[in-house]
């Protein structure tokens, strides 16, 4: 068989695999009881090579954020149809957002400087440590006060994330909050 014929067969197989992945995503949406918007993340993964595993509290936060994002999110790359698959990682101290369509078709990779996030990440880390310690020993009133501060910083960080992604990725406030949880989880390893 010629090289051109092998190449053609490989492209055909790749197209079949992509069609099967897209059909799987659509079937999962229908199985969930409704056709979900294409303006969403269908898959979120963390690049374990660049972030590694965290302690149990960190892994718990990561798992909850990913679950919450997949349950309800609004995520759009202007000019590109979704649903999308997002992989978050670190490349040279920058946040790498590798965005593909759910069927595997590459959409874009965006490297986001984490420098503007330094202060809020540092403050959020301190308040999270206080929160986790308080859960084990403090009164409900103290836990609630710390949690209010934590939520305020989380909102500030999610607003900053939305500003930094403006024009590249459109996402709602809740999706930005959950993505910041993952950004913070990446920082914890660093």
C-alpha atoms as a PDB file:
ATOM      1  CA  UNK A   1       0.000   0.000   0.000  1.00  0.00           C
ATOM      2  CA  UNK A   2       1.251   3.497  -0.768  1.00  0.00           C
ATOM      3  CA  UNK A   3       2.053   6.161   1.862  1.00  0.00           C
ATOM      4  CA  UNK A   4      -0.774   8.341   0.519  1.00  0.00           C
ATOM      5  CA  UNK A   5      -3.287   5.523   0.993  1.00  0.00           C
ATOM      6  CA  UNK A   6      -2.084   4.918   4.580  1.00  0.00           C
ATOM      7  CA  UNK A   7      -2.323   8.638   5.306  1.00  0.00           C
ATOM      8  CA  UNK A   8      -5.845   8.743   3.890  1.00  0.00           C
ATOM      9  CA  UNK A   9      -6.887   5.746   6.005  1.00  0.00           C
ATOM     10  CA  UNK A  10      -5.387   7.317   9.124  1.00  0.00           C
ATOM     11  CA  UNK A  11      -7.271  10.576   8.484  1.00  0.00           C
ATOM     12  CA  UNK A  12     -10.471   8.622   7.979  1.00  0.00           C
ATOM     13  CA  UNK A  13      -9.954   6.747  11.278  1.00  0.00           C
ATOM     14  CA  UNK A  14      -9.202  10.046  13.067  1.00  0.00           C
ATOM     15  CA  UNK A  15     -12.433  11.523  11.680  1.00  0.00           C
ATOM     16  CA  UNK A  16     -14.373   8.459  12.853  1.00  0.00           C
ATOM     17  CA  UNK A  17     -12.873   8.735  16.350  1.00  0.00           C
ATOM     18  CA  UNK A  18     -13.723  12.458  16.507  1.00  0.00           C
ATOM     19  CA  UNK A  19     -17.301  11.734  15.368  1.00  0.00           C
ATOM     20  CA  UNK A  20     -17.616   9.013  18.025  1.00  0.00           C
ATOM     21  CA  UNK A  21     -16.380  11.377  20.760  1.00  0.00           C
ATOM     22  CA  UNK A  22     -18.860  14.050  19.676  1.00  0.00           C
ATOM     23  CA  UNK A  23     -21.655  11.461  19.656  1.00  0.00           C
ATOM     24  CA  UNK A  24     -20.653  10.342  23.177  1.00  0.00           C
ATOM     25  CA  UNK A  25     -20.858  13.940  24.464  1.00  0.00           C
ATOM     26  CA  UNK A  26     -24.259  14.432  22.804  1.00  0.00           C
ATOM     27  CA  UNK A  27     -25.534  11.101  24.157  1.00  0.00           C
ATOM     28  CA  UNK A  28     -24.436  12.035  27.682  1.00  0.00           C
ATOM     29  CA  UNK A  29     -26.269  15.358  27.346  1.00  0.00           C
ATOM     30  CA  UNK A  30     -29.460  13.668  26.194  1.00  0.00           C
ATOM     31  CA  UNK A  31     -29.111  11.024  28.898  1.00  0.00           C
ATOM     32  CA  UNK A  32     -28.933  13.845  31.466  1.00  0.00           C
ATOM     33  CA  UNK A  33     -32.467  14.726  30.398  1.00  0.00           C
ATOM     34  CA  UNK A  34     -31.874  17.832  28.352  1.00  0.00           C
ATOM     35  CA  UNK A  35     -29.850  19.117  25.473  1.00  0.00           C
ATOM     36  CA  UNK A  36     -27.147  21.242  27.078  1.00  0.00           C
ATOM     37  CA  UNK A  37     -25.848  24.463  25.603  1.00  0.00           C
ATOM     38  CA  UNK A  38     -22.795  24.239  23.356  1.00  0.00           C
ATOM     39  CA  UNK A  39     -21.441  27.256  25.313  1.00  0.00           C
ATOM     40  CA  UNK A  40     -20.013  25.158  28.112  1.00  0.00           C
ATOM     41  CA  UNK A  41     -17.211  22.976  29.320  1.00  0.00           C
ATOM     42  CA  UNK A  42     -17.967  19.286  28.883  1.00  0.00           C
ATOM     43  CA  UNK A  43     -14.584  18.091  30.175  1.00  0.00           C
ATOM     44  CA  UNK A  44     -12.118  19.650  32.638  1.00  0.00           C
ATOM     45  CA  UNK A  45      -8.794  18.053  33.466  1.00  0.00           C
ATOM     46  CA  UNK A  46      -5.679  19.108  35.332  1.00  0.00           C
ATOM     47  CA  UNK A  47      -2.249  18.467  33.840  1.00  0.00           C
ATOM     48  CA  UNK A  48      -0.834  16.246  36.571  1.00  0.00           C
ATOM     49  CA  UNK A  49       2.640  16.452  35.063  1.00  0.00           C
ATOM     50  CA  UNK A  50       2.847  20.172  35.810  1.00  0.00           C
ATOM     51  CA  UNK A  51       0.785  20.279  39.016  1.00  0.00           C
ATOM     52  CA  UNK A  52       1.158  16.910  40.726  1.00  0.00           C
ATOM     53  CA  UNK A  53      -1.130  15.654  43.499  1.00  0.00           C
ATOM     54  CA  UNK A  54      -2.108  17.738  46.505  1.00  0.00           C
ATOM     55  CA  UNK A  55      -2.929  16.980  50.103  1.00  0.00           C
ATOM     56  CA  UNK A  56      -6.420  15.603  50.879  1.00  0.00           C
ATOM     57  CA  UNK A  57      -7.948  19.082  51.396  1.00  0.00           C
ATOM     58  CA  UNK A  58      -6.509  20.314  48.083  1.00  0.00           C
ATOM     59  CA  UNK A  59      -7.636  17.232  46.178  1.00  0.00           C
ATOM     60  CA  UNK A  60     -11.099  17.605  47.693  1.00  0.00           C
ATOM     61  CA  UNK A  61     -11.278  21.267  46.552  1.00  0.00           C
ATOM     62  CA  UNK A  62     -10.120  20.319  43.051  1.00  0.00           C
ATOM     63  CA  UNK A  63     -12.672  17.514  42.752  1.00  0.00           C
ATOM     64  CA  UNK A  64     -15.536  19.709  43.979  1.00  0.00           C
ATOM     65  CA  UNK A  65     -14.596  22.555  41.614  1.00  0.00           C
ATOM     66  CA  UNK A  66     -14.398  20.229  38.605  1.00  0.00           C
ATOM     67  CA  UNK A  67     -17.696  18.569  39.519  1.00  0.00           C
ATOM     68  CA  UNK A  68     -19.386  21.970  40.000  1.00  0.00           C
ATOM     69  CA  UNK A  69     -18.017  23.300  36.708  1.00  0.00           C
ATOM     70  CA  UNK A  70     -19.260  20.288  34.790  1.00  0.00           C
ATOM     71  CA  UNK A  71     -22.689  20.452  36.435  1.00  0.00           C
ATOM     72  CA  UNK A  72     -23.326  24.078  35.472  1.00  0.00           C
ATOM     73  CA  UNK A  73     -21.079  26.448  33.552  1.00  0.00           C
ATOM     74  CA  UNK A  74     -21.025  29.058  30.850  1.00  0.00           C
ATOM     75  CA  UNK A  75     -17.830  29.034  28.767  1.00  0.00           C
ATOM     76  CA  UNK A  76     -17.387  30.269  25.215  1.00  0.00           C
ATOM     77  CA  UNK A  77     -14.442  30.947  22.941  1.00  0.00           C
ATOM     78  CA  UNK A  78     -15.660  33.761  20.657  1.00  0.00           C
ATOM     79  CA  UNK A  79     -16.033  32.521  17.095  1.00  0.00           C
ATOM     80  CA  UNK A  80     -15.625  28.843  18.014  1.00  0.00           C
ATOM     81  CA  UNK A  81     -18.492  26.476  18.733  1.00  0.00           C
ATOM     82  CA  UNK A  82     -18.424  24.214  21.799  1.00  0.00           C
ATOM     83  CA  UNK A  83     -18.880  22.263  23.927  1.00  0.00           C
ATOM     84  CA  UNK A  84     -15.263  22.421  25.046  1.00  0.00           C
ATOM     85  CA  UNK A  85     -12.651  20.335  26.839  1.00  0.00           C
ATOM     86  CA  UNK A  86     -10.272  22.329  29.059  1.00  0.00           C
ATOM     87  CA  UNK A  87      -6.933  21.198  30.434  1.00  0.00           C
ATOM     88  CA  UNK A  88      -5.272  23.460  32.992  1.00  0.00           C
ATOM     89  CA  UNK A  89      -1.556  23.292  33.676  1.00  0.00           C
ATOM     90  CA  UNK A  90       1.518  25.367  34.363  1.00  0.00           C
ATOM     91  CA  UNK A  91       4.066  26.355  31.718  1.00  0.00           C
ATOM     92  CA  UNK A  92       7.005  28.507  32.818  1.00  0.00           C
ATOM     93  CA  UNK A  93       5.034  29.912  35.792  1.00  0.00           C
ATOM     94  CA  UNK A  94       2.087  30.774  33.560  1.00  0.00           C
ATOM     95  CA  UNK A  95      -1.338  29.216  33.604  1.00  0.00           C
ATOM     96  CA  UNK A  96      -1.865  27.177  30.444  1.00  0.00           C
ATOM     97  CA  UNK A  97      -5.448  26.874  29.279  1.00  0.00           C
ATOM     98  CA  UNK A  98      -5.529  24.217  26.567  1.00  0.00           C
ATOM     99  CA  UNK A  99      -8.970  24.410  24.997  1.00  0.00           C
ATOM    100  CA  UNK A 100     -10.316  21.855  22.562  1.00  0.00           C
ATOM    101  CA  UNK A 101     -13.749  21.016  21.335  1.00  0.00           C
ATOM    102  CA  UNK A 102     -15.256  18.085  23.221  1.00  0.00           C
ATOM    103  CA  UNK A 103     -14.598  15.974  20.113  1.00  0.00           C
ATOM    104  CA  UNK A 104     -10.847  16.692  20.410  1.00  0.00           C
ATOM    105  CA  UNK A 105     -10.555  19.372  17.704  1.00  0.00           C
ATOM    106  CA  UNK A 106      -8.002  21.964  18.960  1.00  0.00           C
ATOM    107  CA  UNK A 107      -9.435  25.435  19.578  1.00  0.00           C
ATOM    108  CA  UNK A 108      -6.654  27.394  21.288  1.00  0.00           C
ATOM    109  CA  UNK A 109      -3.982  27.422  23.954  1.00  0.00           C
ATOM    110  CA  UNK A 110      -3.759  30.527  26.078  1.00  0.00           C
ATOM    111  CA  UNK A 111      -0.916  31.259  28.492  1.00  0.00           C
ATOM    112  CA  UNK A 112      -2.031  33.542  31.298  1.00  0.00           C
ATOM    113  CA  UNK A 113       0.471  35.344  33.512  1.00  0.00           C
ATOM    114  CA  UNK A 114      -0.154  34.610  37.182  1.00  0.00           C
ATOM    115  CA  UNK A 115       1.664  37.777  38.312  1.00  0.00           C
ATOM    116  CA  UNK A 116      -1.572  39.818  38.647  1.00  0.00           C
ATOM    117  CA  UNK A 117      -2.938  37.042  40.879  1.00  0.00           C
ATOM    118  CA  UNK A 118      -0.016  36.948  43.347  1.00  0.00           C
ATOM    119  CA  UNK A 119      -1.574  39.083  46.078  1.00  0.00           C
ATOM    120  CA  UNK A 120      -5.021  37.518  45.941  1.00  0.00           C
ATOM    121  CA  UNK A 121      -3.539  33.994  45.813  1.00  0.00           C
ATOM    122  CA  UNK A 122      -1.318  34.740  48.818  1.00  0.00           C
ATOM    123  CA  UNK A 123      -4.260  36.197  50.784  1.00  0.00           C
ATOM    124  CA  UNK A 124      -6.559  33.378  49.707  1.00  0.00           C
ATOM    125  CA  UNK A 125      -4.003  30.781  50.788  1.00  0.00           C
ATOM    126  CA  UNK A 126      -3.755  32.331  54.248  1.00  0.00           C
ATOM    127  CA  UNK A 127      -7.504  32.507  54.704  1.00  0.00           C
ATOM    128  CA  UNK A 128      -7.980  28.934  53.437  1.00  0.00           C
ATOM    129  CA  UNK A 129      -5.462  27.699  56.011  1.00  0.00           C
ATOM    130  CA  UNK A 130      -7.379  29.598  58.701  1.00  0.00           C
ATOM    131  CA  UNK A 131     -10.645  28.164  57.409  1.00  0.00           C
ATOM    132  CA  UNK A 132      -9.413  24.546  57.417  1.00  0.00           C
ATOM    133  CA  UNK A 133      -7.998  24.989  60.925  1.00  0.00           C
ATOM    134  CA  UNK A 134     -11.236  26.630  62.106  1.00  0.00           C
ATOM    135  CA  UNK A 135     -13.376  23.772  60.773  1.00  0.00           C
ATOM    136  CA  UNK A 136     -11.621  21.469  63.217  1.00  0.00           C
ATOM    137  CA  UNK A 137     -11.629  23.685  66.323  1.00  0.00           C
ATOM    138  CA  UNK A 138     -13.584  26.965  66.047  1.00  0.00           C
ATOM    139  CA  UNK A 139     -17.163  27.867  66.848  1.00  0.00           C
ATOM    140  CA  UNK A 140     -19.731  28.088  64.043  1.00  0.00           C
ATOM    141  CA  UNK A 141     -19.705  31.903  64.320  1.00  0.00           C
ATOM    142  CA  UNK A 142     -15.938  32.039  63.852  1.00  0.00           C
ATOM    143  CA  UNK A 143     -16.100  29.621  60.916  1.00  0.00           C
ATOM    144  CA  UNK A 144     -18.805  31.734  59.274  1.00  0.00           C
ATOM    145  CA  UNK A 145     -16.754  34.939  59.656  1.00  0.00           C
ATOM    146  CA  UNK A 146     -13.675  33.331  58.106  1.00  0.00           C
ATOM    147  CA  UNK A 147     -15.794  31.841  55.317  1.00  0.00           C
ATOM    148  CA  UNK A 148     -17.269  35.269  54.488  1.00  0.00           C
ATOM    149  CA  UNK A 149     -13.741  36.626  54.066  1.00  0.00           C
ATOM    150  CA  UNK A 150     -12.801  33.622  51.961  1.00  0.00           C
ATOM    151  CA  UNK A 151     -15.819  34.105  49.686  1.00  0.00           C
ATOM    152  CA  UNK A 152     -14.994  37.826  49.290  1.00  0.00           C
ATOM    153  CA  UNK A 153     -11.446  37.045  48.164  1.00  0.00           C
ATOM    154  CA  UNK A 154     -12.774  34.301  45.901  1.00  0.00           C
ATOM    155  CA  UNK A 155     -15.121  36.814  44.230  1.00  0.00           C
ATOM    156  CA  UNK A 156     -12.250  39.292  43.783  1.00  0.00           C
ATOM    157  CA  UNK A 157     -10.092  36.607  42.189  1.00  0.00           C
ATOM    158  CA  UNK A 158     -12.867  35.421  39.871  1.00  0.00           C
ATOM    159  CA  UNK A 159     -13.462  39.010  38.700  1.00  0.00           C
ATOM    160  CA  UNK A 160      -9.738  39.345  37.975  1.00  0.00           C
ATOM    161  CA  UNK A 161      -9.763  36.051  36.060  1.00  0.00           C
ATOM    162  CA  UNK A 162     -12.675  37.226  33.919  1.00  0.00           C
ATOM    163  CA  UNK A 163     -10.879  40.514  33.196  1.00  0.00           C
ATOM    164  CA  UNK A 164      -7.666  38.714  32.221  1.00  0.00           C
ATOM    165  CA  UNK A 165      -9.542  36.386  29.845  1.00  0.00           C
ATOM    166  CA  UNK A 166     -11.725  39.105  28.318  1.00  0.00           C
ATOM    167  CA  UNK A 167     -11.871  38.834  24.522  1.00  0.00           C
ATOM    168  CA  UNK A 168     -10.395  35.338  24.571  1.00  0.00           C
ATOM    169  CA  UNK A 169     -12.872  33.363  26.692  1.00  0.00           C
ATOM    170  CA  UNK A 170     -16.316  34.419  27.866  1.00  0.00           C
ATOM    171  CA  UNK A 171     -17.402  32.911  31.172  1.00  0.00           C
ATOM    172  CA  UNK A 172     -19.935  33.749  33.856  1.00  0.00           C
ATOM    173  CA  UNK A 173     -19.158  34.668  37.467  1.00  0.00           C
ATOM    174  CA  UNK A 174     -19.830  31.193  38.910  1.00  0.00           C
ATOM    175  CA  UNK A 175     -17.671  29.480  36.287  1.00  0.00           C
ATOM    176  CA  UNK A 176     -14.875  31.985  36.963  1.00  0.00           C
ATOM    177  CA  UNK A 177     -15.118  31.230  40.718  1.00  0.00           C
ATOM    178  CA  UNK A 178     -14.770  27.520  40.101  1.00  0.00           C
ATOM    179  CA  UNK A 179     -11.909  28.016  37.659  1.00  0.00           C
ATOM    180  CA  UNK A 180     -10.121  30.159  40.242  1.00  0.00           C
ATOM    181  CA  UNK A 181     -10.410  27.260  42.689  1.00  0.00           C
ATOM    182  CA  UNK A 182      -8.469  25.202  40.162  1.00  0.00           C
ATOM    183  CA  UNK A 183      -5.971  28.011  39.536  1.00  0.00           C
ATOM    184  CA  UNK A 184      -5.404  28.129  43.280  1.00  0.00           C
ATOM    185  CA  UNK A 185      -5.006  24.348  43.381  1.00  0.00           C
ATOM    186  CA  UNK A 186      -2.275  24.674  40.731  1.00  0.00           C
ATOM    187  CA  UNK A 187      -0.531  27.313  42.836  1.00  0.00           C
ATOM    188  CA  UNK A 188      -0.582  25.128  45.944  1.00  0.00           C
ATOM    189  CA  UNK A 189       1.740  22.664  44.215  1.00  0.00           C
ATOM    190  CA  UNK A 190       4.083  25.360  42.901  1.00  0.00           C
END
